[in-house]
Amino acid sequence: MKRNLATGIASLTFVLGGCAGLSGSDGLDAVLSPGAQVELVQEGFQFTEGPLDAPDGGLFFTDLGKPSRIFRLDGSGKIAPYVDRTQRANGLAYMRNGAMMSVEAEGKRVIRIEKNTTMAEVTRGDGEKPLLAPNDLIADSKGGLYFTDPGPRPVVPGRKVYVYYLPPGASTAIAVDDTMVRPNGLTLTLDERTLIVADTVEHDLIAFDVQRDGRLTARRVWARLRGLKQGEDSGADGMAIDRTERVFVTTATGVQVFEKNGQYVGTIPVPRRPTNVAFAGPGKSILYITAREGLYRVRTLTRGPDRLGK
């Protein structure tokens, strides 16, 4: 069922009744609104990614198709192109000064998106090795920026891939981890002492202690993803955190939810395989989910973090 991009919100829904049974946990009762449904907002895209709340309660998100674009869902529910052509912009984030940032897989760079929607290059990496295909990013309150570079598929055995940190005001990034198979989505805890990173191949979410200079130490397994077959890629992708520090991560089985201590809460099923999540809408109480050709949402009992962006 195709939808013209100018037609606004579609009405297709995916009922979540009994989702606690699907997830194997009653914990979602404390997360989702009673009778919550995963609703299709709009379809007809090619590969949606990078959701980020907009100041008016709307949402920005990316489409990695051709041409690749950044879209905006405004407060009235209308979706329209915001940036008409990118070099496969993927994740979106705000710096704490309000500047919108993105990573371009094809452009192999981190960019800043100006208010007039022009794009300015911020970094191409550490100045020694080129970026392969940067994927997602999250800013800290000091003006620094973490971003992942898992490279293009397929995974090349022995090829090093990285998590980077771009210090405040710098144009050269620092490689802060090279131990993961395919680092993808990431988030900072609310106190910014811990960085959590998803690996699209492995079944573990990995946590690191954040040092004063942005470097990472104390690598450890923070949580184990559920419902995956042995030898199957986890599909772990974009992440969001709420005000109680629950972590929401998109996977091959849906959006998996974990408490701040890494305890599994449950899985929100999605009609299409999801790629990323973000809280937006009134009070940041709606969880938006990008999933292949569609954009979805579900109303929650929780709220996104009391900080700019994700």
C-alpha atoms as a PDB file:
ATOM      1  CA  MET A   1       0.000   0.000   0.000  1.00  0.00           C
ATOM      2  CA  LYS A   2       1.812   3.123  -1.208  1.00  0.00           C
ATOM      3  CA  ARG A   3       1.170   6.590   0.160  1.00  0.00           C
ATOM      4  CA  ASN A   4       1.973   9.872  -1.562  1.00  0.00           C
ATOM      5  CA  LEU A   5       4.464  11.766   0.617  1.00  0.00           C
ATOM      6  CA  ALA A   6       2.157  14.785   0.744  1.00  0.00           C
ATOM      7  CA  THR A   7      -0.893  12.907   2.039  1.00  0.00           C
ATOM      8  CA  GLY A   8       0.093  13.018   5.698  1.00  0.00           C
ATOM      9  CA  ILE A   9      -0.720  10.374   8.239  1.00  0.00           C
ATOM     10  CA  ALA A  10      -1.921   6.982   7.123  1.00  0.00           C
ATOM     11  CA  SER A  11      -4.256   4.996   9.301  1.00  0.00           C
ATOM     12  CA  LEU A  12      -2.813   1.496   9.156  1.00  0.00           C
ATOM     13  CA  THR A  13      -2.157   0.168  12.653  1.00  0.00           C
ATOM     14  CA  PHE A  14      -0.560  -2.840  14.208  1.00  0.00           C
ATOM     15  CA  VAL A  15      -2.362  -3.828  17.399  1.00  0.00           C
ATOM     16  CA  LEU A  16      -0.207  -4.442  20.452  1.00  0.00           C
ATOM     17  CA  GLY A  17      -2.854  -6.305  22.405  1.00  0.00           C
ATOM     18  CA  GLY A  18      -1.112  -9.208  24.090  1.00  0.00           C
ATOM     19  CA  CYS A  19       2.354  -7.814  23.386  1.00  0.00           C
ATOM     20  CA  ALA A  20       3.468  -8.789  26.890  1.00  0.00           C
ATOM     21  CA  GLY A  21       2.943 -12.398  25.900  1.00  0.00           C
ATOM     22  CA  LEU A  22       4.897 -11.885  22.686  1.00  0.00           C
ATOM     23  CA  SER A  23       7.790 -10.364  24.609  1.00  0.00           C
ATOM     24  CA  GLY A  24       7.744 -12.812  27.488  1.00  0.00           C
ATOM     25  CA  SER A  25       7.553  -9.968  29.997  1.00  0.00           C
ATOM     26  CA  ASP A  26       4.844  -7.966  31.741  1.00  0.00           C
ATOM     27  CA  GLY A  27       7.252  -5.059  32.060  1.00  0.00           C
ATOM     28  CA  LEU A  28       5.875  -3.309  28.989  1.00  0.00           C
ATOM     29  CA  ASP A  29       2.730  -2.473  30.981  1.00  0.00           C
ATOM     30  CA  ALA A  30       4.808   0.210  32.697  1.00  0.00           C
ATOM     31  CA  VAL A  31       6.162   1.499  29.383  1.00  0.00           C
ATOM     32  CA  LEU A  32       3.272   1.586  26.907  1.00  0.00           C
ATOM     33  CA  SER A  33      -0.033   3.406  27.259  1.00  0.00           C
ATOM     34  CA  PRO A  34      -3.060   1.148  27.913  1.00  0.00           C
ATOM     35  CA  GLY A  35      -4.340  -0.232  24.609  1.00  0.00           C
ATOM     36  CA  ALA A  36      -1.297   1.134  22.813  1.00  0.00           C
ATOM     37  CA  GLN A  37      -0.955   0.383  19.122  1.00  0.00           C
ATOM     38  CA  VAL A  38       2.035   0.675  16.848  1.00  0.00           C
ATOM     39  CA  GLU A  39       0.613   2.985  14.185  1.00  0.00           C
ATOM     40  CA  LEU A  40       1.883   3.509  10.683  1.00  0.00           C
ATOM     41  CA  VAL A  41       2.406   7.248  10.275  1.00  0.00           C
ATOM     42  CA  GLN A  42       3.336   7.051   6.603  1.00  0.00           C
ATOM     43  CA  GLU A  43       4.913   4.688   4.114  1.00  0.00           C
ATOM     44  CA  GLY A  44       6.276   4.989   0.578  1.00  0.00           C
ATOM     45  CA  PHE A  45       9.875   5.672   1.592  1.00  0.00           C
ATOM     46  CA  GLN A  46      12.876   3.557   0.623  1.00  0.00           C
ATOM     47  CA  PHE A  47      14.831   3.049   3.875  1.00  0.00           C
ATOM     48  CA  THR A  48      13.941   5.231   6.857  1.00  0.00           C
ATOM     49  CA  GLU A  49      16.475   6.021   9.580  1.00  0.00           C
ATOM     50  CA  GLY A  50      17.757   8.657  11.993  1.00  0.00           C
ATOM     51  CA  PRO A  51      14.621   9.896  13.859  1.00  0.00           C
ATOM     52  CA  LEU A  52      15.145  13.058  15.930  1.00  0.00           C
ATOM     53  CA  ASP A  53      12.585  15.201  17.744  1.00  0.00           C
ATOM     54  CA  ALA A  54      11.761  18.620  16.298  1.00  0.00           C
ATOM     55  CA  PRO A  55      11.188  21.727  18.456  1.00  0.00           C
ATOM     56  CA  ASP A  56       7.503  21.967  17.458  1.00  0.00           C
ATOM     57  CA  GLY A  57       6.759  18.428  18.635  1.00  0.00           C
ATOM     58  CA  GLY A  58       7.336  16.982  15.198  1.00  0.00           C
ATOM     59  CA  LEU A  59      10.142  14.798  13.956  1.00  0.00           C
ATOM     60  CA  PHE A  60      13.079  14.760  11.581  1.00  0.00           C
ATOM     61  CA  PHE A  61      14.139  11.491   9.941  1.00  0.00           C
ATOM     62  CA  THR A  62      16.261  10.360   7.037  1.00  0.00           C
ATOM     63  CA  ASP A  63      15.632   8.206   3.973  1.00  0.00           C
ATOM     64  CA  LEU A  64      18.712   6.427   2.640  1.00  0.00           C
ATOM     65  CA  GLY A  65      17.189   5.794  -0.776  1.00  0.00           C
ATOM     66  CA  LYS A  66      18.001   7.570  -4.009  1.00  0.00           C
ATOM     67  CA  PRO A  67      17.847  10.477  -3.796  1.00  0.00           C
ATOM     68  CA  SER A  68      18.645  10.341  -0.092  1.00  0.00           C
ATOM     69  CA  ARG A  69      16.804  12.986   1.906  1.00  0.00           C
ATOM     70  CA  ILE A  70      16.011  14.326   5.340  1.00  0.00           C
ATOM     71  CA  PHE A  71      12.284  14.615   6.001  1.00  0.00           C
ATOM     72  CA  ARG A  72      10.337  16.600   8.561  1.00  0.00           C
ATOM     73  CA  LEU A  73       7.066  15.601  10.188  1.00  0.00           C
ATOM     74  CA  ASP A  74       5.553  18.876  11.445  1.00  0.00           C
ATOM     75  CA  GLY A  75       3.216  19.415  14.366  1.00  0.00           C
ATOM     76  CA  SER A  76       0.155  19.075  12.130  1.00  0.00           C
ATOM     77  CA  GLY A  77       1.215  15.635  10.897  1.00  0.00           C
ATOM     78  CA  LYS A  78       2.358  16.638   7.429  1.00  0.00           C
ATOM     79  CA  ILE A  79       5.579  15.106   6.106  1.00  0.00           C
ATOM     80  CA  ALA A  80       7.722  16.984   3.602  1.00  0.00           C
ATOM     81  CA  PRO A  81      11.383  16.971   2.506  1.00  0.00           C
ATOM     82  CA  TYR A  82      13.579  19.146   4.734  1.00  0.00           C
ATOM     83  CA  VAL A  83      16.905  18.595   2.979  1.00  0.00           C
ATOM     84  CA  ASP A  84      16.282  17.497  -0.576  1.00  0.00           C
ATOM     85  CA  ARG A  85      19.524  15.677  -1.288  1.00  0.00           C
ATOM     86  CA  THR A  86      22.244  14.241   0.955  1.00  0.00           C
ATOM     87  CA  GLN A  87      25.078  11.778   0.547  1.00  0.00           C
ATOM     88  CA  ARG A  88      23.103   9.068   2.353  1.00  0.00           C
ATOM     89  CA  ALA A  89      22.665  10.902   5.641  1.00  0.00           C
ATOM     90  CA  ASN A  90      21.854   8.345   8.328  1.00  0.00           C
ATOM     91  CA  GLY A  91      21.746   9.213  12.040  1.00  0.00           C
ATOM     92  CA  LEU A  92      20.741  12.681  13.248  1.00  0.00           C
ATOM     93  CA  ALA A  93      21.605  14.412  16.517  1.00  0.00           C
ATOM     94  CA  TYR A  94      21.671  17.844  18.134  1.00  0.00           C
ATOM     95  CA  MET A  95      24.686  19.466  19.638  1.00  0.00           C
ATOM     96  CA  ARG A  96      23.827  21.111  22.953  1.00  0.00           C
ATOM     97  CA  ASN A  97      23.843  24.520  21.211  1.00  0.00           C
ATOM     98  CA  GLY A  98      20.999  23.306  18.983  1.00  0.00           C
ATOM     99  CA  ALA A  99      23.016  22.627  15.833  1.00  0.00           C
ATOM    100  CA  MET A 100      21.736  19.596  13.914  1.00  0.00           C
ATOM    101  CA  MET A 101      24.383  17.039  13.007  1.00  0.00           C
ATOM    102  CA  SER A 102      24.405  13.997  10.772  1.00  0.00           C
ATOM    103  CA  VAL A 103      26.718  11.327   9.402  1.00  0.00           C
ATOM    104  CA  GLU A 104      26.824  10.558   5.691  1.00  0.00           C
ATOM    105  CA  ALA A 105      27.538   6.974   4.687  1.00  0.00           C
ATOM    106  CA  GLU A 106      28.277   7.843   1.067  1.00  0.00           C
ATOM    107  CA  GLY A 107      29.931  11.174   1.849  1.00  0.00           C
ATOM    108  CA  LYS A 108      32.096   9.450   4.488  1.00  0.00           C
ATOM    109  CA  ARG A 109      31.918  12.441   6.788  1.00  0.00           C
ATOM    110  CA  VAL A 110      30.154  14.126   9.693  1.00  0.00           C
ATOM    111  CA  ILE A 111      28.161  17.206   8.732  1.00  0.00           C
ATOM    112  CA  ARG A 112      26.346  20.114  10.358  1.00  0.00           C
ATOM    113  CA  ILE A 113      22.988  21.063   8.866  1.00  0.00           C
ATOM    114  CA  GLU A 114      22.523  24.814   8.978  1.00  0.00           C
ATOM    115  CA  LYS A 115      19.155  26.472   9.598  1.00  0.00           C
ATOM    116  CA  ASN A 116      18.936  27.302   5.891  1.00  0.00           C
ATOM    117  CA  THR A 117      19.399  23.519   5.281  1.00  0.00           C
ATOM    118  CA  THR A 118      22.838  23.902   3.715  1.00  0.00           C
ATOM    119  CA  MET A 119      25.389  21.341   4.881  1.00  0.00           C
ATOM    120  CA  ALA A 120      28.865  22.030   6.266  1.00  0.00           C
ATOM    121  CA  GLU A 121      31.540  19.375   6.688  1.00  0.00           C
ATOM    122  CA  VAL A 122      32.731  18.927  10.279  1.00  0.00           C
ATOM    123  CA  THR A 123      35.139  15.992  10.080  1.00  0.00           C
ATOM    124  CA  ARG A 124      36.264  13.129   7.871  1.00  0.00           C
ATOM    125  CA  GLY A 125      37.757  11.140  10.714  1.00  0.00           C
ATOM    126  CA  ASP A 126      41.088  10.989  12.481  1.00  0.00           C
ATOM    127  CA  GLY A 127      43.176  12.413   9.631  1.00  0.00           C
ATOM    128  CA  GLU A 128      44.947   9.099   8.994  1.00  0.00           C
ATOM    129  CA  LYS A 129      42.372   6.603   7.725  1.00  0.00           C
ATOM    130  CA  PRO A 130      39.235   7.543   5.784  1.00  0.00           C
ATOM    131  CA  LEU A 131      35.836   6.848   7.253  1.00  0.00           C
ATOM    132  CA  LEU A 132      34.173   3.777   5.731  1.00  0.00           C
ATOM    133  CA  ALA A 133      30.442   4.466   6.137  1.00  0.00           C
ATOM    134  CA  PRO A 134      29.582   6.343   9.352  1.00  0.00           C
ATOM    135  CA  ASN A 135      26.215   5.362  10.766  1.00  0.00           C
ATOM    136  CA  ASP A 136      24.979   7.027  13.972  1.00  0.00           C
ATOM    137  CA  LEU A 137      25.951   9.701  16.480  1.00  0.00           C
ATOM    138  CA  ILE A 138      25.218  11.253  19.888  1.00  0.00           C
ATOM    139  CA  ALA A 139      26.482  14.521  21.377  1.00  0.00           C
ATOM    140  CA  ASP A 140      27.647  15.212  24.916  1.00  0.00           C
ATOM    141  CA  SER A 141      27.013  18.382  26.924  1.00  0.00           C
ATOM    142  CA  LYS A 142      30.648  19.509  26.546  1.00  0.00           C
ATOM    143  CA  GLY A 143      30.289  19.990  22.794  1.00  0.00           C
ATOM    144  CA  GLY A 144      31.820  16.658  21.822  1.00  0.00           C
ATOM    145  CA  LEU A 145      30.334  14.027  19.533  1.00  0.00           C
ATOM    146  CA  TYR A 146      30.482  10.230  19.473  1.00  0.00           C
ATOM    147  CA  PHE A 147      29.835   8.446  16.182  1.00  0.00           C
ATOM    148  CA  THR A 148      30.075   4.915  14.839  1.00  0.00           C
ATOM    149  CA  ASP A 149      31.682   3.768  11.599  1.00  0.00           C
ATOM    150  CA  PRO A 150      30.743   0.124  10.957  1.00  0.00           C
ATOM    151  CA  GLY A 151      31.620   0.331   7.273  1.00  0.00           C
ATOM    152  CA  PRO A 152      29.504  -0.980   4.402  1.00  0.00           C
ATOM    153  CA  ARG A 153      28.156  -4.511   4.229  1.00  0.00           C
ATOM    154  CA  PRO A 154      29.191  -7.239   3.935  1.00  0.00           C
ATOM    155  CA  VAL A 155      31.373  -7.538   7.006  1.00  0.00           C
ATOM    156  CA  VAL A 156      34.974  -8.072   5.940  1.00  0.00           C
ATOM    157  CA  PRO A 157      36.795 -10.494   8.285  1.00  0.00           C
ATOM    158  CA  GLY A 158      39.705  -8.739   9.984  1.00  0.00           C
ATOM    159  CA  ARG A 159      38.669  -5.256   8.896  1.00  0.00           C
ATOM    160  CA  LYS A 160      38.846  -2.816  11.799  1.00  0.00           C
ATOM    161  CA  VAL A 161      35.768  -0.687  12.426  1.00  0.00           C
ATOM    162  CA  TYR A 162      35.513   2.086  14.962  1.00  0.00           C
ATOM    163  CA  VAL A 163      33.665   4.184  17.461  1.00  0.00           C
ATOM    164  CA  TYR A 164      34.993   7.765  17.255  1.00  0.00           C
ATOM    165  CA  TYR A 165      34.907  10.806  19.494  1.00  0.00           C
ATOM    166  CA  LEU A 166      35.108  14.314  18.072  1.00  0.00           C
ATOM    167  CA  PRO A 167      36.289  16.644  20.859  1.00  0.00           C
ATOM    168  CA  PRO A 168      34.652  20.061  21.301  1.00  0.00           C
ATOM    169  CA  GLY A 169      35.743  22.466  18.569  1.00  0.00           C
ATOM    170  CA  ALA A 170      37.953  19.887  16.833  1.00  0.00           C
ATOM    171  CA  SER A 171      37.938  18.850  13.183  1.00  0.00           C
ATOM    172  CA  THR A 172      39.893  15.646  13.781  1.00  0.00           C
ATOM    173  CA  ALA A 173      38.209  12.717  15.524  1.00  0.00           C
ATOM    174  CA  ILE A 174      39.779  10.183  17.897  1.00  0.00           C
ATOM    175  CA  ALA A 175      39.197   6.446  17.485  1.00  0.00           C
ATOM    176  CA  VAL A 176      38.026   5.364  20.949  1.00  0.00           C
ATOM    177  CA  ASP A 177      37.116   1.717  20.261  1.00  0.00           C
ATOM    178  CA  ASP A 178      37.975  -0.875  17.610  1.00  0.00           C
ATOM    179  CA  THR A 179      36.772  -4.052  19.327  1.00  0.00           C
ATOM    180  CA  MET A 180      33.281  -4.443  17.875  1.00  0.00           C
ATOM    181  CA  VAL A 181      32.190  -6.352  14.761  1.00  0.00           C
ATOM    182  CA  ARG A 182      29.745  -3.745  13.506  1.00  0.00           C
ATOM    183  CA  PRO A 183      29.096  -0.833  15.921  1.00  0.00           C
ATOM    184  CA  ASN A 184      25.864   0.939  15.079  1.00  0.00           C
ATOM    185  CA  GLY A 185      23.416   2.778  17.353  1.00  0.00           C
ATOM    186  CA  LEU A 186      24.630   4.429  20.536  1.00  0.00           C
ATOM    187  CA  THR A 187      23.428   6.478  23.466  1.00  0.00           C
ATOM    188  CA  LEU A 188      24.793   8.241  26.534  1.00  0.00           C
ATOM    189  CA  THR A 189      23.342   7.711  29.987  1.00  0.00           C
ATOM    190  CA  LEU A 190      21.803  10.840  31.449  1.00  0.00           C
ATOM    191  CA  ASP A 191      24.848  11.572  33.614  1.00  0.00           C
ATOM    192  CA  GLU A 192      27.054  11.023  30.531  1.00  0.00           C
ATOM    193  CA  ARG A 193      29.322   8.682  32.455  1.00  0.00           C
ATOM    194  CA  THR A 194      28.466   5.663  30.301  1.00  0.00           C
ATOM    195  CA  LEU A 195      28.259   5.159  26.533  1.00  0.00           C
ATOM    196  CA  ILE A 196      26.162   2.202  25.345  1.00  0.00           C
ATOM    197  CA  VAL A 197      26.722   0.871  21.818  1.00  0.00           C
ATOM    198  CA  ALA A 198      24.749  -1.676  19.774  1.00  0.00           C
ATOM    199  CA  ASP A 199      26.454  -4.169  17.466  1.00  0.00           C
ATOM    200  CA  THR A 200      24.397  -5.176  14.414  1.00  0.00           C
ATOM    201  CA  VAL A 201      26.019  -8.616  14.342  1.00  0.00           C
ATOM    202  CA  GLU A 202      26.577  -9.559  17.990  1.00  0.00           C
ATOM    203  CA  HIS A 203      23.841 -10.219  20.564  1.00  0.00           C
ATOM    204  CA  ASP A 204      25.239  -7.966  23.302  1.00  0.00           C
ATOM    205  CA  LEU A 205      24.874  -4.263  24.040  1.00  0.00           C
ATOM    206  CA  ILE A 206      28.303  -2.965  25.062  1.00  0.00           C
ATOM    207  CA  ALA A 207      28.932  -0.292  27.685  1.00  0.00           C
ATOM    208  CA  PHE A 208      32.016   1.855  28.278  1.00  0.00           C
ATOM    209  CA  ASP A 209      33.009   4.293  30.998  1.00  0.00           C
ATOM    210  CA  VAL A 210      33.443   7.803  29.588  1.00  0.00           C
ATOM    211  CA  GLN A 211      36.606   9.629  30.616  1.00  0.00           C
ATOM    212  CA  ARG A 212      37.049  13.397  30.950  1.00  0.00           C
ATOM    213  CA  ASP A 213      38.721  13.644  27.559  1.00  0.00           C
ATOM    214  CA  GLY A 214      35.987  11.582  25.896  1.00  0.00           C
ATOM    215  CA  ARG A 215      38.006   8.399  25.650  1.00  0.00           C
ATOM    216  CA  LEU A 216      36.449   5.097  26.688  1.00  0.00           C
ATOM    217  CA  THR A 217      37.500   2.506  29.272  1.00  0.00           C
ATOM    218  CA  ALA A 218      36.048  -0.535  31.061  1.00  0.00           C
ATOM    219  CA  ARG A 219      34.430  -2.215  28.060  1.00  0.00           C
ATOM    220  CA  ARG A 220      31.769  -4.663  29.244  1.00  0.00           C
ATOM    221  CA  VAL A 221      28.537  -6.377  28.266  1.00  0.00           C
ATOM    222  CA  TRP A 222      25.683  -4.170  29.468  1.00  0.00           C
ATOM    223  CA  ALA A 223      22.762  -6.356  28.331  1.00  0.00           C
ATOM    224  CA  ARG A 224      22.070  -9.471  26.291  1.00  0.00           C
ATOM    225  CA  LEU A 225      19.497  -9.177  23.505  1.00  0.00           C
ATOM    226  CA  ARG A 226      16.632 -11.664  23.558  1.00  0.00           C
ATOM    227  CA  GLY A 227      14.726 -13.885  21.155  1.00  0.00           C
ATOM    228  CA  LEU A 228      17.553 -14.331  18.654  1.00  0.00           C
ATOM    229  CA  LYS A 229      18.719 -17.587  17.130  1.00  0.00           C
ATOM    230  CA  GLN A 230      22.312 -18.680  17.555  1.00  0.00           C
ATOM    231  CA  GLY A 231      24.360 -17.568  14.558  1.00  0.00           C
ATOM    232  CA  GLU A 232      21.740 -15.007  13.525  1.00  0.00           C
ATOM    233  CA  ASP A 233      22.717 -11.332  13.292  1.00  0.00           C
ATOM    234  CA  SER A 234      21.012  -9.353  16.036  1.00  0.00           C
ATOM    235  CA  GLY A 235      20.116  -6.483  13.736  1.00  0.00           C
ATOM    236  CA  ALA A 236      20.757  -4.206  16.735  1.00  0.00           C
ATOM    237  CA  ASP A 237      20.591  -0.696  15.359  1.00  0.00           C
ATOM    238  CA  GLY A 238      19.402   2.690  16.590  1.00  0.00           C
ATOM    239  CA  MET A 239      18.763   3.433  20.260  1.00  0.00           C
ATOM    240  CA  ALA A 240      16.860   5.847  22.488  1.00  0.00           C
ATOM    241  CA  ILE A 241      16.870   6.452  26.238  1.00  0.00           C
ATOM    242  CA  ASP A 242      14.002   7.702  28.404  1.00  0.00           C
ATOM    243  CA  ARG A 243      13.948   9.840  31.555  1.00  0.00           C
ATOM    244  CA  THR A 244      14.232   6.808  33.818  1.00  0.00           C
ATOM    245  CA  GLU A 245      17.219   5.599  31.742  1.00  0.00           C
ATOM    246  CA  ARG A 246      15.425   2.701  30.146  1.00  0.00           C
ATOM    247  CA  VAL A 247      17.112   1.909  26.842  1.00  0.00           C
ATOM    248  CA  PHE A 248      15.102   1.165  23.687  1.00  0.00           C
ATOM    249  CA  VAL A 249      17.008  -0.568  20.892  1.00  0.00           C
ATOM    250  CA  THR A 250      15.803  -1.721  17.484  1.00  0.00           C
ATOM    251  CA  THR A 251      16.627  -5.336  16.631  1.00  0.00           C
ATOM    252  CA  ALA A 252      15.638  -8.132  14.263  1.00  0.00           C
ATOM    253  CA  THR A 253      12.785  -9.036  16.641  1.00  0.00           C
ATOM    254  CA  GLY A 254      11.411  -5.533  17.260  1.00  0.00           C
ATOM    255  CA  VAL A 255      12.204  -2.760  19.729  1.00  0.00           C
ATOM    256  CA  GLN A 256      13.756  -4.351  22.809  1.00  0.00           C
ATOM    257  CA  VAL A 257      13.504  -2.451  26.096  1.00  0.00           C
ATOM    258  CA  PHE A 258      15.917  -2.637  29.043  1.00  0.00           C
ATOM    259  CA  GLU A 259      15.963  -1.064  32.504  1.00  0.00           C
ATOM    260  CA  LYS A 260      18.870   1.176  33.508  1.00  0.00           C
ATOM    261  CA  ASN A 261      20.644  -1.825  35.074  1.00  0.00           C
ATOM    262  CA  GLY A 262      20.425  -3.808  31.817  1.00  0.00           C
ATOM    263  CA  GLN A 263      17.478  -5.958  32.924  1.00  0.00           C
ATOM    264  CA  TYR A 264      15.257  -6.988  30.012  1.00  0.00           C
ATOM    265  CA  VAL A 265      11.743  -5.484  30.075  1.00  0.00           C
ATOM    266  CA  GLY A 266      10.127  -6.717  26.866  1.00  0.00           C
ATOM    267  CA  THR A 267       9.968  -6.376  23.101  1.00  0.00           C
ATOM    268  CA  ILE A 268       7.644  -4.093  21.133  1.00  0.00           C
ATOM    269  CA  PRO A 269       6.788  -5.877  17.855  1.00  0.00           C
ATOM    270  CA  VAL A 270       6.849  -3.772  14.682  1.00  0.00           C
ATOM    271  CA  PRO A 271       5.303  -4.724  11.306  1.00  0.00           C
ATOM    272  CA  ARG A 272       8.595  -4.099   9.500  1.00  0.00           C
ATOM    273  CA  ARG A 273      12.109  -4.668  10.782  1.00  0.00           C
ATOM    274  CA  PRO A 274      12.956  -1.472  12.673  1.00  0.00           C
ATOM    275  CA  THR A 275      16.101   0.589  12.219  1.00  0.00           C
ATOM    276  CA  ASN A 276      15.955   3.379  14.797  1.00  0.00           C
ATOM    277  CA  VAL A 277      13.855   5.041  17.501  1.00  0.00           C
ATOM    278  CA  ALA A 278      13.367   8.456  19.109  1.00  0.00           C
ATOM    279  CA  PHE A 279      10.983  10.115  21.554  1.00  0.00           C
ATOM    280  CA  ALA A 280       9.114  13.125  20.196  1.00  0.00           C
ATOM    281  CA  GLY A 281       5.656  14.703  20.246  1.00  0.00           C
ATOM    282  CA  PRO A 282       4.005  16.381  23.262  1.00  0.00           C
ATOM    283  CA  GLY A 283       6.271  15.964  26.261  1.00  0.00           C
ATOM    284  CA  LYS A 284       8.411  13.550  24.207  1.00  0.00           C
ATOM    285  CA  SER A 285       5.893  10.836  25.107  1.00  0.00           C
ATOM    286  CA  ILE A 286       5.571   9.248  21.658  1.00  0.00           C
ATOM    287  CA  LEU A 287       8.124   6.688  20.533  1.00  0.00           C
ATOM    288  CA  TYR A 288       8.738   7.032  16.789  1.00  0.00           C
ATOM    289  CA  ILE A 289      10.151   4.019  14.979  1.00  0.00           C
ATOM    290  CA  THR A 290      11.763   4.048  11.549  1.00  0.00           C
ATOM    291  CA  ALA A 291      11.318   0.726   9.762  1.00  0.00           C
ATOM    292  CA  ARG A 292      12.291   0.210   6.129  1.00  0.00           C
ATOM    293  CA  GLU A 293       9.617   1.800   3.899  1.00  0.00           C
ATOM    294  CA  GLY A 294       7.621   3.193   6.815  1.00  0.00           C
ATOM    295  CA  LEU A 295       7.566   5.527   9.800  1.00  0.00           C
ATOM    296  CA  TYR A 296       5.687   4.236  12.874  1.00  0.00           C
ATOM    297  CA  ARG A 297       4.804   5.491  16.328  1.00  0.00           C
ATOM    298  CA  VAL A 298       3.464   4.208  19.648  1.00  0.00           C
ATOM    299  CA  ARG A 299       2.225   6.183  22.641  1.00  0.00           C
ATOM    300  CA  THR A 300       4.059   5.549  25.881  1.00  0.00           C
ATOM    301  CA  LEU A 301       3.719   6.115  29.617  1.00  0.00           C
ATOM    302  CA  THR A 302       7.280   7.363  29.731  1.00  0.00           C
ATOM    303  CA  ARG A 303       9.074  10.340  28.184  1.00  0.00           C
ATOM    304  CA  GLY A 304      12.261  10.964  26.328  1.00  0.00           C
ATOM    305  CA  PRO A 305      15.235  12.518  28.102  1.00  0.00           C
ATOM    306  CA  ASP A 306      15.055  16.052  29.454  1.00  0.00           C
ATOM    307  CA  ARG A 307      17.879  17.144  27.175  1.00  0.00           C
ATOM    308  CA  LEU A 308      18.018  18.381  23.621  1.00  0.00           C
ATOM    309  CA  GLY A 309      17.503  15.527  21.178  1.00  0.00           C
ATOM    310  CA  LYS A 310      18.077  11.889  22.072  1.00  0.00           C
END
